[in-house]
């Protein structure tokens, strides 16, 4: 629990400028890629939840979930790689700077697919080169190509790539908040029943 409190305090140190950047620049761009009811995995202190209607949050950190609920936001505690929702519940899922913390994202992405409705969208954000080096809890660095390959392997089709604040090699090497966002959809082929074979 002490670790949960430490991370909570770390998130609370984000500056007002960072909050304004997210609320008025980043989150509107990401929200434009989503529709309907959205699940924010790793919702933190609820910045995305408070910026977008019809958004539900989950986090493995109980302290963060309690804080979000105290703000009147809908948030739930999740176990690692287990989402506490029925299948086909959400139109969209967002993982904003989450995937790089996971040693093996395969089981979590299976869960993402399970709770996502047919042709639902997934937004995945990962830190740039410099931002990745700043957090000792980061487990895996994703280039744009790596991210797309991992999501394609998990059964999602790539729609587009976004950069925050915009694509720039100088920012990638020097700006902590620089991130790459992949926009994906649940593959139609994965939604259809497997063809049955009949004996002739």
N, C-alpha and C. Protein backbone atom coordinates (compact mmCIF):
# COMPACT_ATOMS: atom_id res chain seq x y z
N UNK A 1 0.83 -1.21 0.00
CA UNK A 1 0.00 0.00 0.00
C UNK A 1 0.87 1.26 0.00
N UNK A 2 2.05 1.17 0.64
CA UNK A 2 2.96 2.31 0.66
C UNK A 2 3.39 2.68 -0.76
N UNK A 3 3.63 1.65 -1.59
CA UNK A 3 4.00 1.90 -2.98
C UNK A 3 2.88 2.62 -3.72
N UNK A 4 1.63 2.23 -3.43
CA UNK A 4 0.47 2.87 -4.06
C UNK A 4 0.39 4.34 -3.67
N UNK A 5 0.65 4.64 -2.39
CA UNK A 5 0.63 6.03 -1.93
C UNK A 5 1.75 6.85 -2.57
N UNK A 6 2.91 6.22 -2.71
CA UNK A 6 4.05 6.91 -3.33
C UNK A 6 3.74 7.30 -4.76
N UNK A 7 3.13 6.37 -5.51
CA UNK A 7 2.81 6.67 -6.91
C UNK A 7 1.70 7.71 -7.00
N UNK A 8 0.76 7.65 -6.07
CA UNK A 8 -0.30 8.65 -6.03
C UNK A 8 0.30 10.04 -5.84
N UNK A 9 1.23 10.17 -4.90
CA UNK A 9 1.87 11.46 -4.65
C UNK A 9 2.66 11.93 -5.87
N UNK A 10 3.29 10.97 -6.57
CA UNK A 10 4.05 11.30 -7.79
C UNK A 10 3.12 11.89 -8.85
N UNK A 11 1.97 11.26 -9.07
CA UNK A 11 1.03 11.76 -10.08
C UNK A 11 0.48 13.14 -9.69
N UNK A 12 0.34 13.38 -8.41
CA UNK A 12 -0.21 14.65 -7.96
C UNK A 12 0.75 15.81 -8.18
N UNK A 13 2.03 15.50 -8.47
CA UNK A 13 3.01 16.58 -8.67
C UNK A 13 2.95 17.17 -10.08
N UNK A 14 2.09 16.59 -10.95
CA UNK A 14 2.03 17.13 -12.31
C UNK A 14 1.60 18.59 -12.27
N UNK A 15 2.21 19.38 -13.12
CA UNK A 15 2.03 20.82 -13.10
C UNK A 15 0.67 21.23 -13.68
N UNK A 16 0.29 22.46 -13.38
CA UNK A 16 -0.95 23.00 -13.94
C UNK A 16 -0.84 23.13 -15.46
N UNK A 17 0.35 23.46 -15.93
CA UNK A 17 0.58 23.56 -17.38
C UNK A 17 0.35 22.20 -18.03
N UNK A 18 0.85 21.13 -17.40
CA UNK A 18 0.66 19.78 -17.93
C UNK A 18 -0.81 19.42 -17.96
N UNK A 19 -1.55 19.80 -16.91
CA UNK A 19 -2.98 19.51 -16.87
C UNK A 19 -3.71 20.26 -17.98
N UNK A 20 -3.39 21.52 -18.17
CA UNK A 20 -4.04 22.30 -19.22
C UNK A 20 -3.72 21.75 -20.60
N UNK A 21 -2.46 21.32 -20.79
CA UNK A 21 -2.06 20.71 -22.06
C UNK A 21 -2.89 19.46 -22.35
N UNK A 22 -3.06 18.64 -21.34
CA UNK A 22 -3.84 17.42 -21.53
C UNK A 22 -5.31 17.74 -21.79
N UNK A 23 -5.85 18.60 -20.98
CA UNK A 23 -7.29 18.86 -21.06
C UNK A 23 -7.71 19.57 -22.34
N UNK A 24 -6.88 20.50 -22.81
CA UNK A 24 -7.30 21.32 -23.95
C UNK A 24 -6.60 20.98 -25.27
N UNK A 25 -5.56 20.15 -25.22
CA UNK A 25 -4.88 19.76 -26.46
C UNK A 25 -4.89 18.25 -26.66
N UNK A 26 -4.31 17.50 -25.70
CA UNK A 26 -4.15 16.07 -25.88
C UNK A 26 -5.46 15.30 -25.83
N UNK A 27 -6.23 15.48 -24.76
CA UNK A 27 -7.44 14.68 -24.61
C UNK A 27 -8.49 14.94 -25.68
N UNK A 28 -8.69 16.17 -26.13
CA UNK A 28 -9.62 16.36 -27.26
C UNK A 28 -9.17 15.62 -28.52
N UNK A 29 -7.88 15.57 -28.78
CA UNK A 29 -7.37 14.83 -29.96
C UNK A 29 -7.63 13.34 -29.81
N UNK A 30 -7.38 12.82 -28.62
CA UNK A 30 -7.60 11.39 -28.40
C UNK A 30 -9.09 11.05 -28.39
N UNK A 31 -9.88 11.91 -27.78
CA UNK A 31 -11.33 11.67 -27.72
C UNK A 31 -11.96 11.67 -29.10
N UNK A 32 -11.38 12.44 -30.03
CA UNK A 32 -11.90 12.48 -31.40
C UNK A 32 -11.74 11.13 -32.09
N UNK A 33 -10.87 10.27 -31.59
CA UNK A 33 -10.66 8.95 -32.17
C UNK A 33 -11.60 7.90 -31.57
N UNK A 34 -12.37 8.29 -30.56
CA UNK A 34 -13.20 7.35 -29.82
C UNK A 34 -14.66 7.75 -29.88
N UNK A 35 -15.52 6.80 -29.63
CA UNK A 35 -16.96 7.09 -29.60
C UNK A 35 -17.61 6.21 -28.54
N UNK A 36 -18.79 6.62 -28.11
CA UNK A 36 -19.55 5.81 -27.16
C UNK A 36 -18.89 5.70 -25.80
N UNK A 37 -19.11 4.57 -25.16
CA UNK A 37 -18.58 4.31 -23.82
C UNK A 37 -17.15 3.80 -23.91
N UNK A 38 -16.26 4.44 -23.17
CA UNK A 38 -14.83 4.15 -23.26
C UNK A 38 -14.29 3.71 -21.90
N UNK A 39 -13.37 2.76 -21.93
CA UNK A 39 -12.68 2.29 -20.73
C UNK A 39 -11.26 2.85 -20.74
N UNK A 40 -10.90 3.56 -19.67
CA UNK A 40 -9.55 4.09 -19.50
C UNK A 40 -8.79 3.16 -18.55
N UNK A 41 -7.87 2.36 -19.11
CA UNK A 41 -7.10 1.40 -18.31
C UNK A 41 -5.85 2.11 -17.80
N UNK A 42 -5.68 2.08 -16.46
CA UNK A 42 -4.60 2.84 -15.84
C UNK A 42 -5.00 4.29 -15.73
N UNK A 43 -6.17 4.53 -15.13
CA UNK A 43 -6.78 5.86 -15.15
C UNK A 43 -6.08 6.88 -14.27
N UNK A 44 -5.15 6.42 -13.41
CA UNK A 44 -4.39 7.36 -12.59
C UNK A 44 -5.27 8.21 -11.69
N UNK A 45 -5.04 9.53 -11.69
CA UNK A 45 -5.81 10.43 -10.83
C UNK A 45 -7.05 10.97 -11.55
N UNK A 46 -7.38 10.40 -12.71
CA UNK A 46 -8.66 10.68 -13.34
C UNK A 46 -8.72 11.86 -14.29
N UNK A 47 -7.56 12.29 -14.80
CA UNK A 47 -7.59 13.45 -15.71
C UNK A 47 -8.41 13.18 -16.96
N UNK A 48 -8.24 12.00 -17.54
CA UNK A 48 -9.02 11.65 -18.74
C UNK A 48 -10.49 11.45 -18.38
N UNK A 49 -10.74 10.82 -17.24
CA UNK A 49 -12.13 10.57 -16.82
C UNK A 49 -12.90 11.88 -16.66
N UNK A 50 -12.23 12.88 -16.14
CA UNK A 50 -12.90 14.17 -15.92
C UNK A 50 -13.00 15.01 -17.19
N UNK A 51 -12.31 14.57 -18.24
CA UNK A 51 -12.30 15.34 -19.49
C UNK A 51 -13.25 14.79 -20.54
N UNK A 52 -13.71 13.56 -20.36
CA UNK A 52 -14.56 12.94 -21.38
C UNK A 52 -15.76 12.25 -20.73
N UNK A 53 -16.95 12.56 -21.20
CA UNK A 53 -18.15 11.89 -20.70
C UNK A 53 -18.16 10.44 -21.17
N UNK A 54 -18.96 9.62 -20.49
CA UNK A 54 -19.11 8.20 -20.83
C UNK A 54 -17.78 7.46 -20.81
N UNK A 55 -16.94 7.80 -19.84
CA UNK A 55 -15.66 7.14 -19.71
C UNK A 55 -15.53 6.54 -18.31
N UNK A 56 -15.17 5.27 -18.26
CA UNK A 56 -15.02 4.52 -17.02
C UNK A 56 -13.54 4.19 -16.84
N UNK A 57 -13.05 4.26 -15.61
CA UNK A 57 -11.64 4.00 -15.36
C UNK A 57 -11.39 2.75 -14.54
N UNK A 58 -10.22 2.16 -14.76
CA UNK A 58 -9.74 1.07 -13.91
C UNK A 58 -8.26 1.30 -13.62
N UNK A 59 -7.82 0.81 -12.47
CA UNK A 59 -6.41 0.90 -12.11
C UNK A 59 -6.09 -0.21 -11.12
N UNK A 60 -4.83 -0.64 -11.11
CA UNK A 60 -4.39 -1.66 -10.15
C UNK A 60 -4.05 -1.02 -8.81
N UNK A 61 -3.99 0.31 -8.77
CA UNK A 61 -3.63 1.04 -7.57
C UNK A 61 -4.89 1.47 -6.83
N UNK A 62 -5.12 0.87 -5.67
CA UNK A 62 -6.34 1.15 -4.92
C UNK A 62 -6.43 2.61 -4.48
N UNK A 63 -5.29 3.19 -4.16
CA UNK A 63 -5.28 4.59 -3.72
C UNK A 63 -5.78 5.52 -4.83
N UNK A 64 -5.39 5.23 -6.07
CA UNK A 64 -5.83 6.04 -7.21
C UNK A 64 -7.32 5.87 -7.47
N UNK A 65 -7.81 4.64 -7.35
CA UNK A 65 -9.24 4.38 -7.55
C UNK A 65 -10.06 5.13 -6.51
N UNK A 66 -9.62 5.09 -5.26
CA UNK A 66 -10.33 5.80 -4.19
C UNK A 66 -10.33 7.30 -4.44
N UNK A 67 -9.21 7.82 -4.92
CA UNK A 67 -9.13 9.25 -5.22
C UNK A 67 -10.10 9.64 -6.33
N UNK A 68 -10.14 8.85 -7.40
CA UNK A 68 -11.06 9.13 -8.51
C UNK A 68 -12.51 9.10 -8.03
N UNK A 69 -12.83 8.10 -7.24
CA UNK A 69 -14.21 8.02 -6.73
C UNK A 69 -14.54 9.21 -5.84
N UNK A 70 -13.56 9.67 -5.09
CA UNK A 70 -13.75 10.86 -4.26
C UNK A 70 -14.02 12.11 -5.09
N UNK A 71 -13.59 12.08 -6.34
CA UNK A 71 -13.86 13.20 -7.26
C UNK A 71 -15.19 13.03 -7.99
N UNK A 72 -15.91 11.95 -7.66
CA UNK A 72 -17.19 11.69 -8.32
C UNK A 72 -17.06 10.99 -9.66
N UNK A 73 -15.89 10.40 -9.91
CA UNK A 73 -15.65 9.71 -11.17
C UNK A 73 -15.89 8.21 -11.03
N UNK A 74 -16.25 7.57 -12.11
CA UNK A 74 -16.53 6.13 -12.08
C UNK A 74 -15.22 5.38 -12.32
N UNK A 75 -14.71 4.74 -11.28
CA UNK A 75 -13.45 4.01 -11.37
C UNK A 75 -13.53 2.74 -10.55
N UNK A 76 -12.82 1.71 -11.01
CA UNK A 76 -12.85 0.40 -10.37
C UNK A 76 -11.44 -0.15 -10.22
N UNK A 77 -11.27 -0.95 -9.19
CA UNK A 77 -9.99 -1.63 -8.97
C UNK A 77 -9.93 -2.86 -9.87
N UNK A 78 -8.79 -3.07 -10.51
CA UNK A 78 -8.61 -4.26 -11.34
C UNK A 78 -7.41 -5.05 -10.84
N UNK A 79 -7.46 -6.36 -11.03
CA UNK A 79 -6.30 -7.19 -10.79
C UNK A 79 -5.45 -7.16 -12.06
N UNK A 80 -4.15 -7.43 -11.95
CA UNK A 80 -3.32 -7.45 -13.16
C UNK A 80 -3.90 -8.38 -14.23
N UNK A 81 -4.06 -7.86 -15.43
CA UNK A 81 -4.53 -8.63 -16.59
C UNK A 81 -5.96 -9.14 -16.44
N UNK A 82 -6.75 -8.54 -15.54
CA UNK A 82 -8.16 -8.93 -15.38
C UNK A 82 -9.03 -7.68 -15.31
N UNK A 83 -9.90 -7.53 -16.28
CA UNK A 83 -10.81 -6.38 -16.31
C UNK A 83 -12.16 -6.81 -15.73
N UNK A 84 -12.67 -6.09 -14.73
CA UNK A 84 -13.89 -6.50 -14.01
C UNK A 84 -15.18 -6.12 -14.74
N UNK A 85 -15.27 -6.51 -16.01
CA UNK A 85 -16.44 -6.16 -16.82
C UNK A 85 -16.83 -7.35 -17.68
N UNK A 86 -18.09 -7.36 -18.09
CA UNK A 86 -18.56 -8.40 -19.00
C UNK A 86 -18.01 -8.16 -20.40
N UNK A 87 -18.06 -9.18 -21.22
CA UNK A 87 -17.57 -9.07 -22.59
C UNK A 87 -18.41 -8.10 -23.41
N UNK A 88 -17.78 -7.48 -24.41
CA UNK A 88 -18.47 -6.57 -25.34
C UNK A 88 -19.14 -5.39 -24.63
N UNK A 89 -18.50 -4.87 -23.60
CA UNK A 89 -19.09 -3.80 -22.80
C UNK A 89 -18.80 -2.41 -23.37
N UNK A 90 -17.63 -2.23 -23.99
CA UNK A 90 -17.18 -0.87 -24.35
C UNK A 90 -17.03 -0.67 -25.86
N UNK A 91 -17.27 0.57 -26.28
CA UNK A 91 -17.05 0.96 -27.68
C UNK A 91 -15.59 1.30 -27.94
N UNK A 92 -14.87 1.65 -26.88
CA UNK A 92 -13.47 2.03 -27.03
C UNK A 92 -12.69 1.77 -25.76
N UNK A 93 -11.38 1.64 -25.91
CA UNK A 93 -10.47 1.45 -24.78
C UNK A 93 -9.26 2.34 -25.00
N UNK A 94 -8.77 2.95 -23.93
CA UNK A 94 -7.55 3.74 -24.02
C UNK A 94 -6.54 3.25 -22.99
N UNK A 95 -5.30 3.08 -23.43
CA UNK A 95 -4.18 2.77 -22.55
C UNK A 95 -3.13 3.85 -22.79
N UNK A 96 -3.14 4.86 -21.94
CA UNK A 96 -2.26 6.01 -22.12
C UNK A 96 -1.04 5.88 -21.21
N UNK A 97 0.11 5.59 -21.80
CA UNK A 97 1.34 5.37 -21.06
C UNK A 97 1.17 4.28 -20.01
N UNK A 98 0.68 3.14 -20.48
CA UNK A 98 0.47 1.95 -19.65
C UNK A 98 1.28 0.77 -20.15
N UNK A 99 1.25 0.54 -21.45
CA UNK A 99 1.82 -0.68 -22.03
C UNK A 99 3.31 -0.84 -21.71
N UNK A 100 4.03 0.27 -21.63
CA UNK A 100 5.47 0.19 -21.37
C UNK A 100 5.79 -0.27 -19.95
N UNK A 101 4.79 -0.28 -19.07
CA UNK A 101 4.98 -0.74 -17.70
C UNK A 101 4.76 -2.26 -17.56
N UNK A 102 4.26 -2.90 -18.61
CA UNK A 102 3.85 -4.30 -18.53
C UNK A 102 4.91 -5.19 -19.18
N UNK A 103 5.39 -6.19 -18.43
CA UNK A 103 6.42 -7.09 -18.95
C UNK A 103 5.89 -7.87 -20.14
N UNK A 104 4.73 -8.48 -19.97
CA UNK A 104 4.10 -9.25 -21.05
C UNK A 104 2.69 -8.71 -21.25
N UNK A 105 2.48 -7.86 -22.26
CA UNK A 105 1.15 -7.26 -22.45
C UNK A 105 0.11 -8.19 -23.07
N UNK A 106 0.53 -9.39 -23.49
CA UNK A 106 -0.39 -10.30 -24.17
C UNK A 106 -1.68 -10.56 -23.42
N UNK A 107 -1.64 -11.01 -22.16
CA UNK A 107 -2.88 -11.29 -21.42
C UNK A 107 -3.78 -10.06 -21.26
N UNK A 108 -3.18 -8.89 -21.04
CA UNK A 108 -3.98 -7.68 -20.90
C UNK A 108 -4.67 -7.34 -22.22
N UNK A 109 -3.97 -7.49 -23.33
CA UNK A 109 -4.57 -7.18 -24.63
C UNK A 109 -5.67 -8.16 -25.00
N UNK A 110 -5.57 -9.41 -24.52
CA UNK A 110 -6.66 -10.37 -24.69
C UNK A 110 -7.91 -9.86 -23.96
N UNK A 111 -7.71 -9.34 -22.77
CA UNK A 111 -8.82 -8.78 -22.00
C UNK A 111 -9.40 -7.54 -22.68
N UNK A 112 -8.54 -6.72 -23.24
CA UNK A 112 -9.01 -5.53 -23.97
C UNK A 112 -9.93 -5.96 -25.11
N UNK A 113 -9.50 -6.96 -25.86
CA UNK A 113 -10.32 -7.45 -26.97
C UNK A 113 -11.64 -8.02 -26.47
N UNK A 114 -11.60 -8.70 -25.34
CA UNK A 114 -12.82 -9.32 -24.80
C UNK A 114 -13.88 -8.28 -24.43
N UNK A 115 -13.48 -7.20 -23.77
CA UNK A 115 -14.47 -6.21 -23.32
C UNK A 115 -14.86 -5.23 -24.41
N UNK A 116 -14.15 -5.28 -25.54
CA UNK A 116 -14.41 -4.34 -26.63
C UNK A 116 -15.50 -4.88 -27.56
N UNK A 117 -16.41 -4.01 -27.93
CA UNK A 117 -17.47 -4.41 -28.85
C UNK A 117 -16.93 -4.59 -30.26
N UNK A 118 -17.68 -5.28 -31.11
CA UNK A 118 -17.24 -5.47 -32.50
C UNK A 118 -16.84 -4.15 -33.15
N UNK A 119 -15.65 -4.18 -33.77
CA UNK A 119 -15.07 -3.03 -34.46
C UNK A 119 -14.84 -1.83 -33.55
N UNK A 120 -14.72 -2.10 -32.26
CA UNK A 120 -14.40 -1.05 -31.31
C UNK A 120 -12.97 -0.57 -31.52
N UNK A 121 -12.68 0.60 -30.98
CA UNK A 121 -11.36 1.21 -31.17
C UNK A 121 -10.52 1.17 -29.89
N UNK A 122 -9.22 1.09 -30.10
CA UNK A 122 -8.26 1.13 -29.00
C UNK A 122 -7.25 2.23 -29.28
N UNK A 123 -6.99 3.07 -28.30
CA UNK A 123 -5.95 4.10 -28.39
C UNK A 123 -4.85 3.72 -27.41
N UNK A 124 -3.64 3.56 -27.91
CA UNK A 124 -2.51 3.18 -27.06
C UNK A 124 -1.42 4.24 -27.18
N UNK A 125 -1.05 4.83 -26.04
CA UNK A 125 0.02 5.82 -26.03
C UNK A 125 1.24 5.29 -25.30
N UNK A 126 2.42 5.52 -25.86
CA UNK A 126 3.68 5.12 -25.22
C UNK A 126 4.64 6.31 -25.24
N UNK A 127 5.56 6.37 -24.28
CA UNK A 127 6.47 7.51 -24.24
C UNK A 127 7.50 7.49 -25.35
N UNK A 128 8.01 8.67 -25.68
CA UNK A 128 9.10 8.76 -26.64
C UNK A 128 10.42 8.33 -26.02
N UNK A 129 11.49 8.52 -26.76
CA UNK A 129 12.81 8.05 -26.36
C UNK A 129 13.25 8.62 -25.02
N UNK A 130 13.13 9.93 -24.84
CA UNK A 130 13.58 10.54 -23.60
C UNK A 130 12.65 10.22 -22.44
N UNK A 131 11.36 10.32 -22.67
CA UNK A 131 10.39 10.04 -21.61
C UNK A 131 10.52 8.64 -21.06
N UNK A 132 10.87 7.70 -21.92
CA UNK A 132 11.02 6.31 -21.47
C UNK A 132 12.12 6.17 -20.43
N UNK A 133 13.17 6.94 -20.55
CA UNK A 133 14.31 6.80 -19.64
C UNK A 133 14.04 7.38 -18.26
N UNK A 134 12.99 8.14 -18.08
CA UNK A 134 12.77 8.87 -16.83
C UNK A 134 12.08 8.06 -15.74
N UNK A 135 11.45 6.96 -16.09
CA UNK A 135 10.71 6.17 -15.10
C UNK A 135 11.34 4.80 -14.95
N UNK A 136 11.89 4.48 -13.78
CA UNK A 136 12.54 3.18 -13.59
C UNK A 136 11.57 2.00 -13.66
N UNK A 137 10.26 2.28 -13.60
CA UNK A 137 9.28 1.21 -13.69
C UNK A 137 8.98 0.80 -15.12
N UNK A 138 9.50 1.54 -16.10
CA UNK A 138 9.28 1.18 -17.50
C UNK A 138 9.98 -0.13 -17.82
N UNK A 139 9.25 -1.04 -18.48
CA UNK A 139 9.77 -2.37 -18.75
C UNK A 139 10.17 -2.59 -20.21
N UNK A 140 9.49 -1.88 -21.13
CA UNK A 140 9.75 -2.16 -22.55
C UNK A 140 9.56 -0.88 -23.36
N UNK A 141 10.55 -0.57 -24.18
CA UNK A 141 10.44 0.59 -25.05
C UNK A 141 9.78 0.19 -26.37
N UNK A 142 8.82 1.01 -26.82
CA UNK A 142 8.13 0.77 -28.08
C UNK A 142 8.42 1.90 -29.05
N UNK A 143 9.03 1.55 -30.16
CA UNK A 143 9.06 2.49 -31.28
C UNK A 143 7.68 2.44 -31.93
N UNK A 144 7.44 3.32 -32.88
CA UNK A 144 6.16 3.28 -33.60
C UNK A 144 5.96 1.92 -34.26
N UNK A 145 6.99 1.40 -34.90
CA UNK A 145 6.89 0.09 -35.57
C UNK A 145 6.65 -1.03 -34.57
N UNK A 146 7.33 -0.96 -33.43
CA UNK A 146 7.15 -1.99 -32.39
C UNK A 146 5.72 -2.00 -31.87
N UNK A 147 5.19 -0.80 -31.65
CA UNK A 147 3.84 -0.69 -31.11
C UNK A 147 2.82 -1.27 -32.08
N UNK A 148 2.93 -0.89 -33.34
CA UNK A 148 1.99 -1.41 -34.33
C UNK A 148 2.10 -2.93 -34.45
N UNK A 149 3.32 -3.44 -34.44
CA UNK A 149 3.52 -4.89 -34.56
C UNK A 149 2.90 -5.63 -33.39
N UNK A 150 3.07 -5.08 -32.18
CA UNK A 150 2.52 -5.74 -30.99
C UNK A 150 1.00 -5.74 -31.02
N UNK A 151 0.41 -4.64 -31.42
CA UNK A 151 -1.05 -4.56 -31.45
C UNK A 151 -1.62 -5.41 -32.58
N UNK A 152 -0.96 -5.44 -33.73
CA UNK A 152 -1.41 -6.29 -34.84
C UNK A 152 -1.37 -7.75 -34.44
N UNK A 153 -0.32 -8.13 -33.74
CA UNK A 153 -0.19 -9.51 -33.27
C UNK A 153 -1.31 -9.88 -32.31
N UNK A 154 -1.80 -8.89 -31.56
CA UNK A 154 -2.87 -9.13 -30.59
C UNK A 154 -4.26 -9.11 -31.22
N UNK A 155 -4.33 -8.88 -32.52
CA UNK A 155 -5.62 -8.95 -33.19
C UNK A 155 -6.27 -7.62 -33.49
N UNK A 156 -5.47 -6.55 -33.54
CA UNK A 156 -6.00 -5.22 -33.82
C UNK A 156 -5.39 -4.67 -35.11
N UNK A 157 -6.19 -3.99 -35.90
CA UNK A 157 -5.73 -3.39 -37.14
C UNK A 157 -5.35 -1.93 -36.90
N UNK A 158 -4.25 -1.51 -37.50
CA UNK A 158 -3.79 -0.13 -37.33
C UNK A 158 -4.61 0.82 -38.19
N UNK A 159 -5.09 1.88 -37.59
CA UNK A 159 -5.83 2.92 -38.32
C UNK A 159 -4.91 4.09 -38.64
N UNK A 160 -4.25 4.61 -37.61
CA UNK A 160 -3.34 5.74 -37.82
C UNK A 160 -2.42 5.90 -36.61
N UNK A 161 -1.46 6.81 -36.75
CA UNK A 161 -0.56 7.17 -35.66
C UNK A 161 -0.68 8.66 -35.39
N UNK A 162 -0.72 9.02 -34.12
CA UNK A 162 -0.70 10.41 -33.69
C UNK A 162 0.53 10.64 -32.83
N UNK A 163 0.99 11.87 -32.78
CA UNK A 163 2.13 12.23 -31.94
C UNK A 163 1.72 13.39 -31.05
N UNK A 164 2.26 13.39 -29.83
CA UNK A 164 1.93 14.46 -28.90
C UNK A 164 3.22 15.10 -28.38
N UNK A 165 3.37 16.44 -28.58
CA UNK A 165 2.36 17.32 -29.18
C UNK A 165 2.25 17.20 -30.70
N UNK A 166 3.36 16.87 -31.39
CA UNK A 166 3.34 16.58 -32.83
C UNK A 166 4.66 15.88 -33.15
N UNK A 167 4.75 15.32 -34.33
CA UNK A 167 5.94 14.54 -34.68
C UNK A 167 7.17 15.45 -34.79
N UNK A 168 8.19 15.12 -33.98
CA UNK A 168 9.38 15.95 -33.96
C UNK A 168 10.52 15.18 -33.30
N UNK A 169 11.60 14.94 -34.03
CA UNK A 169 12.72 14.17 -33.49
C UNK A 169 13.42 14.90 -32.34
N UNK A 170 13.44 16.21 -32.39
CA UNK A 170 14.05 17.00 -31.30
C UNK A 170 13.27 16.79 -30.01
N UNK A 171 11.93 16.87 -30.08
CA UNK A 171 11.09 16.65 -28.90
C UNK A 171 11.22 15.21 -28.41
N UNK A 172 11.28 14.26 -29.33
CA UNK A 172 11.40 12.85 -28.96
C UNK A 172 12.63 12.62 -28.09
N UNK A 173 13.72 13.30 -28.40
CA UNK A 173 14.98 13.10 -27.69
C UNK A 173 15.11 13.95 -26.43
N UNK A 174 14.21 14.95 -26.25
CA UNK A 174 14.43 15.89 -25.15
C UNK A 174 13.19 16.23 -24.32
N UNK A 175 12.00 15.89 -24.79
CA UNK A 175 10.77 16.29 -24.10
C UNK A 175 10.16 15.11 -23.36
N UNK A 176 10.00 15.25 -22.05
CA UNK A 176 9.51 14.14 -21.23
C UNK A 176 8.10 13.71 -21.61
N UNK A 177 7.25 14.67 -22.01
CA UNK A 177 5.85 14.35 -22.30
C UNK A 177 5.60 13.91 -23.74
N UNK A 178 6.64 13.88 -24.56
CA UNK A 178 6.46 13.47 -25.95
C UNK A 178 6.01 12.01 -25.98
N UNK A 179 4.94 11.74 -26.74
CA UNK A 179 4.38 10.39 -26.80
C UNK A 179 3.94 10.03 -28.21
N UNK A 180 3.88 8.73 -28.46
CA UNK A 180 3.38 8.18 -29.72
C UNK A 180 2.06 7.49 -29.40
N UNK A 181 1.03 7.76 -30.21
CA UNK A 181 -0.28 7.14 -30.01
C UNK A 181 -0.67 6.35 -31.25
N UNK A 182 -0.96 5.09 -31.04
CA UNK A 182 -1.49 4.26 -32.11
C UNK A 182 -3.00 4.13 -31.96
N UNK A 183 -3.71 4.25 -33.07
CA UNK A 183 -5.16 4.09 -33.08
C UNK A 183 -5.47 2.78 -33.79
N UNK A 184 -6.25 1.90 -33.16
CA UNK A 184 -6.48 0.55 -33.68
C UNK A 184 -7.97 0.19 -33.62
N UNK A 185 -8.32 -0.80 -34.41
CA UNK A 185 -9.68 -1.34 -34.35
C UNK A 185 -9.62 -2.85 -34.17
N UNK A 186 -10.63 -3.37 -33.54
CA UNK A 186 -10.74 -4.81 -33.38
C UNK A 186 -11.01 -5.42 -34.75
N UNK A 187 -10.18 -6.35 -35.16
CA UNK A 187 -10.29 -6.89 -36.51
C UNK A 187 -11.61 -7.59 -36.75
N UNK A 188 -12.21 -7.29 -37.89
CA UNK A 188 -13.49 -7.92 -38.23
C UNK A 188 -13.34 -9.43 -38.33
N UNK A 189 -12.20 -9.90 -38.83
CA UNK A 189 -11.97 -11.33 -39.00
C UNK A 189 -12.01 -12.05 -37.66
N UNK A 190 -11.61 -11.36 -36.59
CA UNK A 190 -11.59 -11.98 -35.27
C UNK A 190 -12.98 -12.05 -34.65
N UNK A 191 -13.94 -11.34 -35.26
CA UNK A 191 -15.28 -11.31 -34.71
C UNK A 191 -16.17 -12.40 -35.28
N UNK A 192 -15.79 -12.94 -36.42
CA UNK A 192 -16.64 -13.90 -37.10
C UNK A 192 -16.33 -15.31 -36.63
N UNK A 193 -17.35 -16.18 -36.58
CA UNK A 193 -17.10 -17.55 -36.14
C UNK A 193 -16.16 -18.26 -37.10
N UNK A 194 -15.35 -19.16 -36.55
CA UNK A 194 -14.44 -19.92 -37.39
C UNK A 194 -15.24 -20.84 -38.31
N UNK A 195 -14.85 -20.94 -39.56
CA UNK A 195 -15.61 -21.80 -40.49
C UNK A 195 -15.56 -23.25 -40.04
N UNK A 196 -16.70 -23.89 -40.16
CA UNK A 196 -16.78 -25.29 -39.76
C UNK A 196 -16.49 -26.17 -40.97
N UNK A 197 -15.83 -27.26 -40.72
CA UNK A 197 -15.56 -28.22 -41.81
C UNK A 197 -16.57 -29.34 -41.70
N UNK A 198 -17.01 -29.79 -42.85
CA UNK A 198 -18.00 -30.86 -42.92
C UNK A 198 -17.40 -32.05 -43.67
N UNK A 199 -17.67 -33.21 -43.15
CA UNK A 199 -17.20 -34.41 -43.82
C UNK A 199 -17.97 -34.60 -45.11
N UNK A 200 -17.25 -34.98 -46.17
CA UNK A 200 -17.92 -35.16 -47.47
C UNK A 200 -18.50 -36.55 -47.56
